[in-house]
């Protein structure tokens, strides 16, 4: 897992042709807006999160975000523990995101 600043996360994501964006916020948070093309796995629903995580492709690079960066860091650690080696946490989370969003 790597903690990346907003700028580092965005720049690395733009150059990565093997990237998957993973939104680990709740449904209510997602309804307030999200980063386009993000896959949603609510980490607060542990069973569903683990089921979804096990279906992900371990060869991909996962750019993970939540509202402030704490839950996404936790999600990265969980993914790393089940064999996903390339996870990148968005420090500051969606609350500090100033890129493109979808409502």
C-alpha atoms as a PDB file:
ATOM      1  CA  UNK A   1       0.000   0.000   0.000  1.00  0.00           C
ATOM      2  CA  UNK A   2       1.140   3.504  -0.754  1.00  0.00           C
ATOM      3  CA  UNK A   3      -0.386   6.673   0.673  1.00  0.00           C
ATOM      4  CA  UNK A   4      -0.498   9.275  -2.082  1.00  0.00           C
ATOM      5  CA  UNK A   5      -1.328  12.961  -1.956  1.00  0.00           C
ATOM      6  CA  UNK A   6      -4.201  14.184  -4.089  1.00  0.00           C
ATOM      7  CA  UNK A   7      -1.765  15.330  -6.792  1.00  0.00           C
ATOM      8  CA  UNK A   8       0.340  12.140  -6.719  1.00  0.00           C
ATOM      9  CA  UNK A   9      -2.786   9.953  -6.842  1.00  0.00           C
ATOM     10  CA  UNK A  10      -4.250  11.844  -9.808  1.00  0.00           C
ATOM     11  CA  UNK A  11      -0.968  11.984 -11.760  1.00  0.00           C
ATOM     12  CA  UNK A  12      -0.157   8.302 -11.227  1.00  0.00           C
ATOM     13  CA  UNK A  13      -3.725   7.278 -12.077  1.00  0.00           C
ATOM     14  CA  UNK A  14      -3.639   9.229 -15.356  1.00  0.00           C
ATOM     15  CA  UNK A  15      -0.490   7.369 -16.463  1.00  0.00           C
ATOM     16  CA  UNK A  16      -1.648   3.905 -15.342  1.00  0.00           C
ATOM     17  CA  UNK A  17      -3.315   1.810 -18.051  1.00  0.00           C
ATOM     18  CA  UNK A  18      -3.832  -1.034 -15.554  1.00  0.00           C
ATOM     19  CA  UNK A  19      -5.774   1.045 -13.025  1.00  0.00           C
ATOM     20  CA  UNK A  20      -9.045   0.394 -11.232  1.00  0.00           C
ATOM     21  CA  UNK A  21     -10.583   3.161  -9.090  1.00  0.00           C
ATOM     22  CA  UNK A  22     -12.211   1.735  -5.970  1.00  0.00           C
ATOM     23  CA  UNK A  23     -14.704   3.787  -3.928  1.00  0.00           C
ATOM     24  CA  UNK A  24     -15.159   2.279  -0.449  1.00  0.00           C
ATOM     25  CA  UNK A  25     -17.705   4.806   0.878  1.00  0.00           C
ATOM     26  CA  UNK A  26     -21.324   4.167   1.844  1.00  0.00           C
ATOM     27  CA  UNK A  27     -24.188   4.363  -0.672  1.00  0.00           C
ATOM     28  CA  UNK A  28     -25.292   7.683   0.866  1.00  0.00           C
ATOM     29  CA  UNK A  29     -21.822   9.147   0.350  1.00  0.00           C
ATOM     30  CA  UNK A  30     -21.669   7.901  -3.238  1.00  0.00           C
ATOM     31  CA  UNK A  31     -25.004   9.633  -3.948  1.00  0.00           C
ATOM     32  CA  UNK A  32     -23.313  12.957  -3.081  1.00  0.00           C
ATOM     33  CA  UNK A  33     -20.864  12.457  -5.947  1.00  0.00           C
ATOM     34  CA  UNK A  34     -18.087  10.139  -7.050  1.00  0.00           C
ATOM     35  CA  UNK A  35     -15.028   9.899  -9.277  1.00  0.00           C
ATOM     36  CA  UNK A  36     -16.080   8.703 -12.757  1.00  0.00           C
ATOM     37  CA  UNK A  37     -15.592   5.003 -13.552  1.00  0.00           C
ATOM     38  CA  UNK A  38     -15.086   4.064  -9.902  1.00  0.00           C
ATOM     39  CA  UNK A  39     -16.103   0.603  -8.731  1.00  0.00           C
ATOM     40  CA  UNK A  40     -18.050   0.770  -5.466  1.00  0.00           C
ATOM     41  CA  UNK A  41     -17.407  -1.623  -2.554  1.00  0.00           C
ATOM     42  CA  UNK A  42     -18.757  -0.292   0.771  1.00  0.00           C
ATOM     43  CA  UNK A  43     -16.171  -1.182   3.422  1.00  0.00           C
ATOM     44  CA  UNK A  44     -18.760  -0.570   6.165  1.00  0.00           C
ATOM     45  CA  UNK A  45     -20.581  -3.666   4.893  1.00  0.00           C
ATOM     46  CA  UNK A  46     -17.773  -6.106   5.726  1.00  0.00           C
ATOM     47  CA  UNK A  47     -19.293  -9.238   4.204  1.00  0.00           C
ATOM     48  CA  UNK A  48     -20.190  -7.587   0.931  1.00  0.00           C
ATOM     49  CA  UNK A  49     -16.820  -5.815   0.816  1.00  0.00           C
ATOM     50  CA  UNK A  50     -14.901  -9.076   1.261  1.00  0.00           C
ATOM     51  CA  UNK A  51     -17.046 -10.878  -1.316  1.00  0.00           C
ATOM     52  CA  UNK A  52     -16.447  -8.094  -3.825  1.00  0.00           C
ATOM     53  CA  UNK A  53     -12.743  -7.842  -2.997  1.00  0.00           C
ATOM     54  CA  UNK A  54     -12.232 -11.539  -3.678  1.00  0.00           C
ATOM     55  CA  UNK A  55     -13.709 -11.067  -7.169  1.00  0.00           C
ATOM     56  CA  UNK A  56     -11.244  -8.317  -8.134  1.00  0.00           C
ATOM     57  CA  UNK A  57      -8.332  -8.994 -10.480  1.00  0.00           C
ATOM     58  CA  UNK A  58      -5.111  -9.157  -8.423  1.00  0.00           C
ATOM     59  CA  UNK A  59      -3.045  -8.152 -11.471  1.00  0.00           C
ATOM     60  CA  UNK A  60      -4.628  -4.665 -11.511  1.00  0.00           C
ATOM     61  CA  UNK A  61      -3.529  -1.519  -9.673  1.00  0.00           C
ATOM     62  CA  UNK A  62      -6.169  -0.276  -7.225  1.00  0.00           C
ATOM     63  CA  UNK A  63      -6.607   3.435  -6.514  1.00  0.00           C
ATOM     64  CA  UNK A  64      -8.764   3.492  -3.406  1.00  0.00           C
ATOM     65  CA  UNK A  65     -10.671   6.390  -1.866  1.00  0.00           C
ATOM     66  CA  UNK A  66     -13.229   7.158   0.821  1.00  0.00           C
ATOM     67  CA  UNK A  67     -14.445  10.424   2.323  1.00  0.00           C
ATOM     68  CA  UNK A  68     -11.305  11.387   4.268  1.00  0.00           C
ATOM     69  CA  UNK A  69      -8.683   8.673   3.690  1.00  0.00           C
ATOM     70  CA  UNK A  70      -9.064   6.457   6.763  1.00  0.00           C
ATOM     71  CA  UNK A  71     -11.398   3.768   5.452  1.00  0.00           C
ATOM     72  CA  UNK A  72      -9.541   3.649   2.141  1.00  0.00           C
ATOM     73  CA  UNK A  73      -6.259   3.041   4.001  1.00  0.00           C
ATOM     74  CA  UNK A  74      -8.001   0.207   5.853  1.00  0.00           C
ATOM     75  CA  UNK A  75      -9.338  -1.165   2.556  1.00  0.00           C
ATOM     76  CA  UNK A  76      -5.833  -1.104   1.058  1.00  0.00           C
ATOM     77  CA  UNK A  77      -4.491  -3.060   4.028  1.00  0.00           C
ATOM     78  CA  UNK A  78      -7.280  -5.632   3.691  1.00  0.00           C
ATOM     79  CA  UNK A  79      -6.653  -5.985  -0.048  1.00  0.00           C
ATOM     80  CA  UNK A  80      -2.910  -6.382   0.598  1.00  0.00           C
ATOM     81  CA  UNK A  81      -3.631  -9.104   3.177  1.00  0.00           C
ATOM     82  CA  UNK A  82      -5.545 -11.175   0.602  1.00  0.00           C
ATOM     83  CA  UNK A  83      -2.935 -10.885  -2.150  1.00  0.00           C
ATOM     84  CA  UNK A  84      -3.402  -7.561  -3.891  1.00  0.00           C
ATOM     85  CA  UNK A  85       0.039  -5.970  -4.136  1.00  0.00           C
ATOM     86  CA  UNK A  86      -0.651  -2.647  -5.846  1.00  0.00           C
ATOM     87  CA  UNK A  87      -2.992  -0.497  -3.765  1.00  0.00           C
ATOM     88  CA  UNK A  88      -2.843   3.279  -3.550  1.00  0.00           C
ATOM     89  CA  UNK A  89      -4.685   5.232  -0.862  1.00  0.00           C
ATOM     90  CA  UNK A  90      -5.968   8.746  -1.609  1.00  0.00           C
ATOM     91  CA  UNK A  91      -4.886  10.806   1.409  1.00  0.00           C
ATOM     92  CA  UNK A  92      -7.535  13.350   2.351  1.00  0.00           C
ATOM     93  CA  UNK A  93     -10.119  11.364   0.423  1.00  0.00           C
ATOM     94  CA  UNK A  94     -13.008  12.560  -1.680  1.00  0.00           C
ATOM     95  CA  UNK A  95     -13.677  15.490   0.660  1.00  0.00           C
ATOM     96  CA  UNK A  96     -10.516  17.153  -0.726  1.00  0.00           C
ATOM     97  CA  UNK A  97     -10.924  15.936  -4.335  1.00  0.00           C
ATOM     98  CA  UNK A  98     -10.972  18.788  -6.845  1.00  0.00           C
ATOM     99  CA  UNK A  99     -10.986  16.724 -10.018  1.00  0.00           C
ATOM    100  CA  UNK A 100     -13.870  15.555 -12.144  1.00  0.00           C
ATOM    101  CA  UNK A 101     -16.862  14.089 -10.331  1.00  0.00           C
ATOM    102  CA  UNK A 102     -20.209  12.605 -11.264  1.00  0.00           C
ATOM    103  CA  UNK A 103     -23.463  13.260  -9.415  1.00  0.00           C
END
